C-alpha atoms as a PDB file:
ATOM      1  CA  MET A   1      18.164  -5.810   0.569  1.00  0.00           C
ATOM      2  CA  ASP A   2      20.183  -3.280  -1.345  1.00  0.00           C
ATOM      3  CA  PHE A   3      19.571  -2.726  -5.044  1.00  0.00           C
ATOM      4  CA  GLU A   4      21.783  -0.795  -7.437  1.00  0.00           C
ATOM      5  CA  ASN A   5      18.880   1.013  -9.058  1.00  0.00           C
ATOM      6  CA  TRP A   6      15.130   1.048  -9.529  1.00  0.00           C
ATOM      7  CA  ASP A   7      15.199  -1.343 -12.497  1.00  0.00           C
ATOM      8  CA  GLY A   8      17.236  -3.809 -10.451  1.00  0.00           C
ATOM      9  CA  LEU A   9      14.672  -3.622  -7.661  1.00  0.00           C
ATOM     10  CA  ILE A  10      11.759  -4.279 -10.021  1.00  0.00           C
ATOM     11  CA  GLU A  11      13.650  -7.149 -11.678  1.00  0.00           C
ATOM     12  CA  ALA A  12      14.326  -8.669  -8.250  1.00  0.00           C
ATOM     13  CA  ILE A  13      10.615  -8.484  -7.375  1.00  0.00           C
ATOM     14  CA  HIS A  14       9.679 -10.207 -10.638  1.00  0.00           C
ATOM     15  CA  ALA A  15      12.333 -12.909 -10.081  1.00  0.00           C
ATOM     16  CA  CYS A  16      11.454 -13.554  -6.414  1.00  0.00           C
ATOM     17  CA  GLU A  17      10.456 -17.097  -5.464  1.00  0.00           C
ATOM     18  CA  ALA A  18      10.971 -16.676  -1.700  1.00  0.00           C
ATOM     19  CA  CYS A  19       7.528 -17.845  -0.578  1.00  0.00           C
ATOM     20  CA  GLU A  20       4.494 -19.836  -1.671  1.00  0.00           C
ATOM     21  CA  LEU A  21       2.716 -16.703  -2.955  1.00  0.00           C
ATOM     22  CA  ALA A  22       5.254 -16.384  -5.778  1.00  0.00           C
ATOM     23  CA  LYS A  23       4.536 -19.908  -6.978  1.00  0.00           C
ATOM     24  CA  ASN A  24       0.790 -19.374  -7.255  1.00  0.00           C
ATOM     25  CA  CYS A  25       0.358 -15.861  -8.645  1.00  0.00           C
ATOM     26  CA  THR A  26      -0.175 -14.980 -12.312  1.00  0.00           C
ATOM     27  CA  GLN A  27       2.400 -12.201 -12.083  1.00  0.00           C
ATOM     28  CA  LYS A  28       4.155 -10.001  -9.553  1.00  0.00           C
ATOM     29  CA  VAL A  29       2.658  -6.588  -8.755  1.00  0.00           C
ATOM     30  CA  PRO A  30       5.572  -4.308  -7.733  1.00  0.00           C
ATOM     31  CA  GLY A  31       3.662  -1.030  -7.794  1.00  0.00           C
ATOM     32  CA  VAL A  32       2.754   1.818 -10.077  1.00  0.00           C
ATOM     33  CA  GLY A  33       3.001   5.581 -10.213  1.00  0.00           C
ATOM     34  CA  SER A  34       5.424   8.449  -9.913  1.00  0.00           C
ATOM     35  CA  ARG A  35       8.858   7.662  -8.522  1.00  0.00           C
ATOM     36  CA  GLU A  36       9.021  11.306  -7.371  1.00  0.00           C
ATOM     37  CA  ALA A  37       5.711  11.089  -5.501  1.00  0.00           C
ATOM     38  CA  ASP A  38       5.118  13.056  -2.317  1.00  0.00           C
ATOM     39  CA  LEU A  39       2.484  10.475  -1.362  1.00  0.00           C
ATOM     40  CA  MET A  40       3.037   6.728  -1.253  1.00  0.00           C
ATOM     41  CA  ILE A  41      -0.009   4.524  -0.767  1.00  0.00           C
ATOM     42  CA  ILE A  42       0.598   1.074   0.677  1.00  0.00           C
ATOM     43  CA  GLY A  43      -2.128  -1.552   0.602  1.00  0.00           C
ATOM     44  CA  GLU A  44      -2.244  -5.135   1.741  1.00  0.00           C
ATOM     45  CA  GLY A  45      -1.766  -7.392  -1.279  1.00  0.00           C
ATOM     46  CA  PRO A  46      -2.870  -7.779  -4.878  1.00  0.00           C
ATOM     47  CA  GLY A  47      -6.333  -9.169  -5.543  1.00  0.00           C
ATOM     48  CA  HIS A  48      -7.635 -11.048  -8.583  1.00  0.00           C
ATOM     49  CA  ASP A  49      -7.802  -8.024 -10.920  1.00  0.00           C
ATOM     50  CA  GLU A  50      -4.373  -6.811  -9.817  1.00  0.00           C
ATOM     51  CA  ASP A  51      -2.873 -10.274 -10.358  1.00  0.00           C
ATOM     52  CA  ILE A  52      -4.197 -10.291 -13.930  1.00  0.00           C
ATOM     53  CA  ARG A  53      -3.149  -6.705 -14.801  1.00  0.00           C
ATOM     54  CA  GLY A  54       0.073  -6.519 -12.788  1.00  0.00           C
ATOM     55  CA  GLU A  55      -0.956  -3.197 -11.246  1.00  0.00           C
ATOM     56  CA  PRO A  56      -2.221  -2.477  -7.701  1.00  0.00           C
ATOM     57  CA  PHE A  57      -5.711  -1.158  -6.989  1.00  0.00           C
ATOM     58  CA  VAL A  58      -7.338  -1.634 -10.407  1.00  0.00           C
ATOM     59  CA  GLY A  59     -10.603  -3.323  -9.412  1.00  0.00           C
ATOM     60  CA  ARG A  60     -13.585  -1.784  -7.616  1.00  0.00           C
ATOM     61  CA  SER A  61     -11.359  -0.870  -4.653  1.00  0.00           C
ATOM     62  CA  GLY A  62      -8.957   0.905  -6.978  1.00  0.00           C
ATOM     63  CA  GLN A  63     -11.739   2.858  -8.616  1.00  0.00           C
ATOM     64  CA  LEU A  64     -12.893   4.008  -5.186  1.00  0.00           C
ATOM     65  CA  LEU A  65      -9.308   4.882  -4.216  1.00  0.00           C
ATOM     66  CA  ASP A  66      -8.992   6.975  -7.391  1.00  0.00           C
ATOM     67  CA  ARG A  67     -12.209   8.849  -6.510  1.00  0.00           C
ATOM     68  CA  MET A  68     -11.009   9.380  -2.938  1.00  0.00           C
ATOM     69  CA  LEU A  69      -7.739  10.889  -4.172  1.00  0.00           C
ATOM     70  CA  ALA A  70      -9.565  13.038  -6.743  1.00  0.00           C
ATOM     71  CA  ALA A  71     -11.758  14.417  -3.940  1.00  0.00           C
ATOM     72  CA  ILE A  72      -8.634  16.028  -2.420  1.00  0.00           C
ATOM     73  CA  GLY A  73      -7.218  17.100  -5.772  1.00  0.00           C
ATOM     74  CA  ILE A  74      -4.702  14.297  -6.319  1.00  0.00           C
ATOM     75  CA  ALA A  75      -4.476  12.261  -9.517  1.00  0.00           C
ATOM     76  CA  ARG A  76      -3.467   8.604  -9.393  1.00  0.00           C
ATOM     77  CA  GLU A  77      -0.460   9.420 -11.599  1.00  0.00           C
ATOM     78  CA  GLN A  78       0.919  11.783  -8.918  1.00  0.00           C
ATOM     79  CA  VAL A  79       1.292   9.076  -6.248  1.00  0.00           C
ATOM     80  CA  TYR A  80       3.114   5.776  -5.966  1.00  0.00           C
ATOM     81  CA  ILE A  81       0.920   2.794  -5.061  1.00  0.00           C
ATOM     82  CA  THR A  82       2.195  -0.558  -3.844  1.00  0.00           C
ATOM     83  CA  ASN A  83       1.325  -3.309  -1.385  1.00  0.00           C
ATOM     84  CA  ILE A  84       2.882  -5.053   1.602  1.00  0.00           C
ATOM     85  CA  VAL A  85       3.214  -8.215  -0.547  1.00  0.00           C
ATOM     86  CA  LYS A  86       3.838  -8.233  -4.284  1.00  0.00           C
ATOM     87  CA  CYS A  87       1.986 -11.481  -5.118  1.00  0.00           C
ATOM     88  CA  ARG A  88      -1.703 -12.319  -4.752  1.00  0.00           C
ATOM     89  CA  PRO A  89      -2.563 -14.446  -1.733  1.00  0.00           C
ATOM     90  CA  PRO A  90      -4.855 -17.372  -2.690  1.00  0.00           C
ATOM     91  CA  ASN A  91      -8.568 -16.555  -2.530  1.00  0.00           C
ATOM     92  CA  ASN A  92      -7.671 -12.965  -1.576  1.00  0.00           C
ATOM     93  CA  ARG A  93      -6.829 -14.033   1.969  1.00  0.00           C
ATOM     94  CA  ASP A  94      -4.683 -11.766   4.137  1.00  0.00           C
ATOM     95  CA  PRO A  95      -0.944 -12.179   3.625  1.00  0.00           C
ATOM     96  CA  LYS A  96       0.642 -14.264   6.370  1.00  0.00           C
ATOM     97  CA  PRO A  97       3.273 -12.542   8.558  1.00  0.00           C
ATOM     98  CA  GLU A  98       6.067 -14.672   7.076  1.00  0.00           C
ATOM     99  CA  GLU A  99       4.958 -13.732   3.537  1.00  0.00           C
ATOM    100  CA  ALA A 100       4.984 -10.037   4.433  1.00  0.00           C
ATOM    101  CA  LEU A 101       8.432 -10.499   5.941  1.00  0.00           C
ATOM    102  CA  MET A 102       9.730 -12.001   2.675  1.00  0.00           C
ATOM    103  CA  CYS A 103       8.580  -8.859   0.789  1.00  0.00           C
ATOM    104  CA  ARG A 104       9.710  -6.407   3.487  1.00  0.00           C
ATOM    105  CA  GLY A 105      13.090  -5.690   1.882  1.00  0.00           C
ATOM    106  CA  PHE A 106      11.403  -4.839  -1.418  1.00  0.00           C
ATOM    107  CA  LEU A 107       8.983  -2.446   0.289  1.00  0.00           C
ATOM    108  CA  GLU A 108      11.754  -0.770   2.294  1.00  0.00           C
ATOM    109  CA  ALA A 109      13.808  -0.314  -0.894  1.00  0.00           C
ATOM    110  CA  GLN A 110      10.796   1.247  -2.638  1.00  0.00           C
ATOM    111  CA  ILE A 111      10.278   3.664   0.256  1.00  0.00           C
ATOM    112  CA  ARG A 112      13.985   4.624   0.244  1.00  0.00           C
ATOM    113  CA  ALA A 113      13.971   5.165  -3.531  1.00  0.00           C
ATOM    114  CA  ILE A 114      10.792   7.236  -3.643  1.00  0.00           C
ATOM    115  CA  GLU A 115      11.367   9.187  -0.422  1.00  0.00           C
ATOM    116  CA  PRO A 116       7.687  10.095   0.028  1.00  0.00           C
ATOM    117  CA  ARG A 117       6.747  13.022   2.232  1.00  0.00           C
ATOM    118  CA  VAL A 118       3.755  11.032   3.567  1.00  0.00           C
ATOM    119  CA  ILE A 119       2.615   7.396   3.506  1.00  0.00           C
ATOM    120  CA  LEU A 120      -1.075   6.481   3.410  1.00  0.00           C
ATOM    121  CA  SER A 121      -1.524   3.014   4.863  1.00  0.00           C
ATOM    122  CA  VAL A 122      -4.793   1.446   3.701  1.00  0.00           C
ATOM    123  CA  GLY A 123      -6.142  -1.451   5.700  1.00  0.00           C
ATOM    124  CA  ARG A 124      -5.274  -3.469   8.767  1.00  0.00           C
ATOM    125  CA  VAL A 125      -2.564  -5.665   7.213  1.00  0.00           C
ATOM    126  CA  SER A 126      -0.755  -2.636   5.821  1.00  0.00           C
ATOM    127  CA  ALA A 127      -0.936  -0.700   9.091  1.00  0.00           C
ATOM    128  CA  HIS A 128       0.114  -3.653  11.248  1.00  0.00           C
ATOM    129  CA  ASN A 129       3.112  -4.415   9.037  1.00  0.00           C
ATOM    130  CA  LEU A 130       4.256  -0.820   8.551  1.00  0.00           C
ATOM    131  CA  LEU A 131       3.871   0.211  12.174  1.00  0.00           C
ATOM    132  CA  ASP A 132       4.745  -3.122  13.809  1.00  0.00           C
ATOM    133  CA  THR A 133       1.585  -3.117  15.892  1.00  0.00           C
ATOM    134  CA  SER A 134      -1.527  -5.196  16.416  1.00  0.00           C
ATOM    135  CA  GLN A 135      -3.818  -2.368  17.517  1.00  0.00           C
ATOM    136  CA  PRO A 136      -7.222  -2.237  15.796  1.00  0.00           C
ATOM    137  CA  VAL A 137      -7.366  -0.089  12.663  1.00  0.00           C
ATOM    138  CA  GLY A 138     -10.138   2.000  14.225  1.00  0.00           C
ATOM    139  CA  LYS A 139      -7.708   3.039  16.955  1.00  0.00           C
ATOM    140  CA  LEU A 140      -4.770   3.564  14.564  1.00  0.00           C
ATOM    141  CA  ILE A 141      -6.867   5.854  12.364  1.00  0.00           C
ATOM    142  CA  ARG A 142      -7.382   8.321  15.199  1.00  0.00           C
ATOM    143  CA  GLN A 143      -3.637   8.959  15.594  1.00  0.00           C
ATOM    144  CA  MET A 144      -0.761  10.121  13.422  1.00  0.00           C
ATOM    145  CA  HIS A 145       2.196   7.793  13.165  1.00  0.00           C
ATOM    146  CA  THR A 146       5.771   7.840  11.919  1.00  0.00           C
ATOM    147  CA  LEU A 147       7.275   5.001   9.918  1.00  0.00           C
ATOM    148  CA  PRO A 148       9.682   3.286  12.355  1.00  0.00           C
ATOM    149  CA  GLY A 149      13.301   4.209  11.710  1.00  0.00           C
ATOM    150  CA  THR A 150      12.358   7.269   9.620  1.00  0.00           C
ATOM    151  CA  ASP A 151      10.713  10.660   9.987  1.00  0.00           C
ATOM    152  CA  ILE A 152       8.030   9.858   7.367  1.00  0.00           C
ATOM    153  CA  PRO A 153       4.493  10.512   8.642  1.00  0.00           C
ATOM    154  CA  VAL A 154       2.065   7.605   8.211  1.00  0.00           C
ATOM    155  CA  LYS A 155      -1.680   8.178   7.992  1.00  0.00           C
ATOM    156  CA  VAL A 156      -3.787   5.039   8.443  1.00  0.00           C
ATOM    157  CA  THR A 157      -7.222   4.705   6.868  1.00  0.00           C
ATOM    158  CA  TYR A 158      -9.699   1.996   6.005  1.00  0.00           C
ATOM    159  CA  HIS A 159      -9.072  -0.128   2.919  1.00  0.00           C
ATOM    160  CA  PRO A 160     -11.347   0.854   0.009  1.00  0.00           C
ATOM    161  CA  ALA A 161     -12.674  -2.743  -0.093  1.00  0.00           C
ATOM    162  CA  TYR A 162     -13.840  -2.275   3.514  1.00  0.00           C
ATOM    163  CA  LEU A 163     -15.497   1.007   2.557  1.00  0.00           C
ATOM    164  CA  LEU A 164     -17.358  -0.754  -0.255  1.00  0.00           C
ATOM    165  CA  ARG A 165     -18.680  -3.307   2.260  1.00  0.00           C
ATOM    166  CA  THR A 166     -19.230  -0.767   5.066  1.00  0.00           C
ATOM    167  CA  PRO A 167     -20.422   2.551   3.592  1.00  0.00           C
ATOM    168  CA  SER A 168     -20.926   3.964   7.110  1.00  0.00           C
ATOM    169  CA  ALA A 169     -17.114   4.115   7.463  1.00  0.00           C
ATOM    170  CA  LYS A 170     -16.810   6.532   4.529  1.00  0.00           C
ATOM    171  CA  ALA A 171     -17.283   9.565   6.789  1.00  0.00           C
ATOM    172  CA  THR A 172     -14.224   8.533   8.811  1.00  0.00           C
ATOM    173  CA  ALA A 173     -12.248   7.910   5.619  1.00  0.00           C
ATOM    174  CA  TRP A 174     -13.195  11.400   4.392  1.00  0.00           C
ATOM    175  CA  GLN A 175     -11.774  12.921   7.597  1.00  0.00           C
ATOM    176  CA  ASP A 176      -8.597  10.865   7.034  1.00  0.00           C
ATOM    177  CA  LEU A 177      -8.313  12.228   3.496  1.00  0.00           C
ATOM    178  CA  LYS A 178      -8.726  15.811   4.668  1.00  0.00           C
ATOM    179  CA  GLN A 179      -5.973  15.264   7.239  1.00  0.00           C
ATOM    180  CA  LEU A 180      -3.811  13.693   4.538  1.00  0.00           C
ATOM    181  CA  HIS A 181      -4.418  16.704   2.300  1.00  0.00           C
ATOM    182  CA  ARG A 182      -3.300  19.056   5.096  1.00  0.00           C
ATOM    183  CA  LEU A 183      -0.137  16.980   5.623  1.00  0.00           C
ATOM    184  CA  LEU A 184       0.745  17.254   1.959  1.00  0.00           C
ATOM    185  CA  LYS A 185       0.216  21.043   1.746  1.00  0.00           C
END
């Protein structure tokens, strides 16, 4: 997908009816933040709160993400946040591979437009789609990656929703954030 400009890209996301997700969501959730961001955060898909507000990571997970970023001196407004899919999967299920594929062109266009220095991939679905792998997140976290076809470093970490359910994983996520901070300096 090639878009003439950013507004055209966002309009195309809002107009998309390519898969079943588009027919069942309240609204599309293209992303939010600085289009000159050094850091792009890519999650899995919008949840209930995001579907209502039209903005990614606004529920409890988003509040935790904001605190995580603040801990390394980054404000939410300094980054660009989006998801693998732009519509909420029913009952917050994982996006299906074919749904992610339908949104892939939008995500690639966002990455090209923003030109982030680093991508933070949060969660299994994000990591598997970005890196074209099926390795467990726990293994992906321990390595640095590069977005295929680019020279953009990708740091994988646990999804904030997972951290809310599994507080013992927060220590690993903190190490990920410190590594992310070093990458951005």
